[in-house]
C-alpha atoms as a PDB file:
ATOM      1  CA  MET A   1       0.238  -0.209   0.193  1.00  0.00           C
ATOM      2  CA  LEU A   2       2.856   2.540   0.863  1.00  0.00           C
ATOM      3  CA  ILE A   3       4.727   1.630  -2.050  1.00  0.00           C
ATOM      4  CA  GLN A   4       1.751   2.075  -4.458  1.00  0.00           C
ATOM      5  CA  HIS A   5       1.371   5.459  -2.619  1.00  0.00           C
ATOM      6  CA  LEU A   6       4.829   6.601  -3.282  1.00  0.00           C
ATOM      7  CA  ALA A   7       4.977   5.376  -6.656  1.00  0.00           C
ATOM      8  CA  LEU A   8       1.850   7.211  -7.419  1.00  0.00           C
ATOM      9  CA  HIS A   9       2.713  10.540  -5.684  1.00  0.00           C
ATOM     10  CA  LEU A  10       6.782  10.675  -5.808  1.00  0.00           C
ATOM     11  CA  PRO A  11       6.938  12.304  -9.003  1.00  0.00           C
ATOM     12  CA  ALA A  12       4.451  15.054  -8.473  1.00  0.00           C
ATOM     13  CA  VAL A  13       6.539  15.629  -5.441  1.00  0.00           C
ATOM     14  CA  LEU A  14       9.925  15.609  -7.065  1.00  0.00           C
ATOM     15  CA  ALA A  15       8.430  17.871  -9.736  1.00  0.00           C
ATOM     16  CA  GLY A  16       6.361  20.304  -7.351  1.00  0.00           C
ATOM     17  CA  ALA A  17       7.231  22.214  -4.378  1.00  0.00           C
ATOM     18  CA  GLY A  18       5.985  20.782  -0.746  1.00  0.00           C
ATOM     19  CA  PRO A  19       5.387  22.811   2.057  1.00  0.00           C
ATOM     20  CA  VAL A  20       8.848  21.694   3.239  1.00  0.00           C
ATOM     21  CA  ASP A  21      11.700  22.949   1.057  1.00  0.00           C
ATOM     22  CA  ASN A  22      13.939  20.562  -0.086  1.00  0.00           C
ATOM     23  CA  PRO A  23      17.472  22.402  -0.398  1.00  0.00           C
ATOM     24  CA  ALA A  24      20.366  21.237  -2.418  1.00  0.00           C
ATOM     25  CA  PRO A  25      22.949  19.306  -0.212  1.00  0.00           C
ATOM     26  CA  ALA A  26      25.367  22.164  -0.956  1.00  0.00           C
ATOM     27  CA  ASN A  27      28.027  23.601   1.238  1.00  0.00           C
ATOM     28  CA  PRO A  28      25.920  26.241   3.314  1.00  0.00           C
ATOM     29  CA  VAL A  29      27.857  29.318   3.354  1.00  0.00           C
ATOM     30  CA  ALA A  30      24.609  31.446   3.289  1.00  0.00           C
ATOM     31  CA  GLY A  31      21.065  30.991   4.216  1.00  0.00           C
ATOM     32  CA  ASN A  32      18.663  31.173   6.869  1.00  0.00           C
ATOM     33  CA  GLY A  33      16.214  29.254   8.940  1.00  0.00           C
ATOM     34  CA  ILE A  34      15.482  25.661   8.637  1.00  0.00           C
ATOM     35  CA  ASP A  35      16.777  25.690   5.011  1.00  0.00           C
ATOM     36  CA  LEU A  36      20.304  26.282   6.563  1.00  0.00           C
ATOM     37  CA  LEU A  37      19.855  23.527   9.169  1.00  0.00           C
ATOM     38  CA  ILE A  38      18.775  21.173   6.361  1.00  0.00           C
ATOM     39  CA  SER A  39      21.587  22.312   4.136  1.00  0.00           C
ATOM     40  CA  TYR A  40      24.192  21.592   6.988  1.00  0.00           C
ATOM     41  CA  ALA A  41      22.695  18.254   7.849  1.00  0.00           C
ATOM     42  CA  LYS A  42      22.625  17.022   4.115  1.00  0.00           C
ATOM     43  CA  TYR A  43      25.776  18.234   3.403  1.00  0.00           C
ATOM     44  CA  GLY A  44      27.316  16.555   6.309  1.00  0.00           C
ATOM     45  CA  ALA A  45      25.330  13.202   5.763  1.00  0.00           C
ATOM     46  CA  LEU A  46      26.409  13.019   2.006  1.00  0.00           C
ATOM     47  CA  ALA A  47      30.013  13.954   2.957  1.00  0.00           C
ATOM     48  CA  ALA A  48      30.186  10.860   5.448  1.00  0.00           C
ATOM     49  CA  CYS A  49      28.407   8.735   2.814  1.00  0.00           C
ATOM     50  CA  GLY A  50      30.938   9.578   0.251  1.00  0.00           C
ATOM     51  CA  LEU A  51      34.088   9.103   2.801  1.00  0.00           C
ATOM     52  CA  ALA A  52      32.241   5.781   3.680  1.00  0.00           C
ATOM     53  CA  ALA A  53      32.212   4.773   0.182  1.00  0.00           C
ATOM     54  CA  VAL A  54      35.856   5.660  -0.275  1.00  0.00           C
ATOM     55  CA  ILE A  55      37.165   3.899   2.980  1.00  0.00           C
ATOM     56  CA  SER A  56      35.123   0.907   1.655  1.00  0.00           C
ATOM     57  CA  GLY A  57      36.736   0.794  -1.689  1.00  0.00           C
ATOM     58  CA  GLY A  58      40.241   0.645  -0.144  1.00  0.00           C
ATOM     59  CA  MET A  59      39.050  -2.282   2.100  1.00  0.00           C
ATOM     60  CA  ILE A  60      37.756  -4.230  -0.774  1.00  0.00           C
ATOM     61  CA  ALA A  61      41.189  -3.451  -2.708  1.00  0.00           C
ATOM     62  CA  PHE A  62      43.284  -4.512   0.594  1.00  0.00           C
ATOM     63  CA  GLY A  63      41.247  -7.629   1.084  1.00  0.00           C
ATOM     64  CA  GLN A  64      41.810  -8.468  -2.306  1.00  0.00           C
ATOM     65  CA  MET A  65      45.562  -7.740  -2.766  1.00  0.00           C
ATOM     66  CA  SER A  66      46.342  -9.285   0.803  1.00  0.00           C
ATOM     67  CA  ASN A  67      44.458 -12.400   0.416  1.00  0.00           C
ATOM     68  CA  ARG A  68      41.975 -11.570   3.164  1.00  0.00           C
ATOM     69  CA  PRO A  69      38.290 -12.218   2.099  1.00  0.00           C
ATOM     70  CA  GLU A  70      36.847 -11.147   5.234  1.00  0.00           C
ATOM     71  CA  ALA A  71      38.255  -7.669   4.555  1.00  0.00           C
ATOM     72  CA  ALA A  72      36.729  -7.500   1.392  1.00  0.00           C
ATOM     73  CA  ASP A  73      33.453  -8.723   2.491  1.00  0.00           C
ATOM     74  CA  LYS A  74      33.310  -6.240   5.089  1.00  0.00           C
ATOM     75  CA  GLY A  75      34.443  -3.458   2.476  1.00  0.00           C
ATOM     76  CA  LYS A  76      31.411  -4.575   0.192  1.00  0.00           C
ATOM     77  CA  ARG A  77      28.944  -4.598   2.942  1.00  0.00           C
ATOM     78  CA  ALA A  78      29.988  -0.872   3.997  1.00  0.00           C
ATOM     79  CA  LEU A  79      30.078   0.223   0.291  1.00  0.00           C
ATOM     80  CA  ILE A  80      26.457  -1.097  -0.094  1.00  0.00           C
ATOM     81  CA  TRP A  81      25.235   0.598   3.243  1.00  0.00           C
ATOM     82  CA  ALA A  82      27.243   3.792   2.169  1.00  0.00           C
ATOM     83  CA  LEU A  83      25.302   3.830  -1.123  1.00  0.00           C
ATOM     84  CA  VAL A  84      21.909   3.126   0.864  1.00  0.00           C
ATOM     85  CA  GLY A  85      22.554   5.985   3.288  1.00  0.00           C
ATOM     86  CA  ALA A  86      23.292   8.407   0.327  1.00  0.00           C
ATOM     87  CA  ALA A  87      20.012   7.494  -1.133  1.00  0.00           C
ATOM     88  CA  VAL A  88      18.081   7.830   2.108  1.00  0.00           C
ATOM     89  CA  VAL A  89      19.491  11.176   2.543  1.00  0.00           C
ATOM     90  CA  ALA A  90      18.365  12.257  -0.781  1.00  0.00           C
ATOM     91  CA  LEU A  91      15.018  10.996  -0.771  1.00  0.00           C
ATOM     92  CA  ALA A  92      14.089  11.722   3.178  1.00  0.00           C
ATOM     93  CA  ILE A  93      12.021  15.133   2.613  1.00  0.00           C
ATOM     94  CA  PRO A  94      10.234  14.013  -0.541  1.00  0.00           C
ATOM     95  CA  THR A  95       9.200  10.944   1.006  1.00  0.00           C
ATOM     96  CA  LEU A  96       7.794  12.346   3.911  1.00  0.00           C
ATOM     97  CA  ASN A  97       6.059  14.699   2.098  1.00  0.00           C
ATOM     98  CA  THR A  98       4.500  12.225   0.198  1.00  0.00           C
ATOM     99  CA  ILE A  99       3.417   9.984   3.156  1.00  0.00           C
ATOM    100  CA  PHE A 100       1.869  13.067   5.253  1.00  0.00           C
ATOM    101  CA  GLY A 101       0.389  14.253   2.095  1.00  0.00           C
ATOM    102  CA  ALA A 102       1.767  17.490   2.038  1.00  0.00           C
ATOM    103  CA  ALA A 103       2.320  17.740  -1.773  1.00  0.00           C
END
């Protein structure tokens, strides 16, 4: 039910403006109010996900080159979770707007 609701309303939310602004995850050097706080949070979260993805790639390479499969497996899992985290950060506000019918 929720998936159908999201599939129905997500394009409209992404195309139109909802009551909660969805600021771009930019380096927040200027702004005010809630948009500034959301920009800080999104920028920090995406930076953390990017750093985790780079470190995960290093763990995969280290595990493969040193014949340590457990390190490579941990790196692969961490890479997947870093990508999932980035997707959650990118879709959080549009999804909440869709769920609560704010769009």
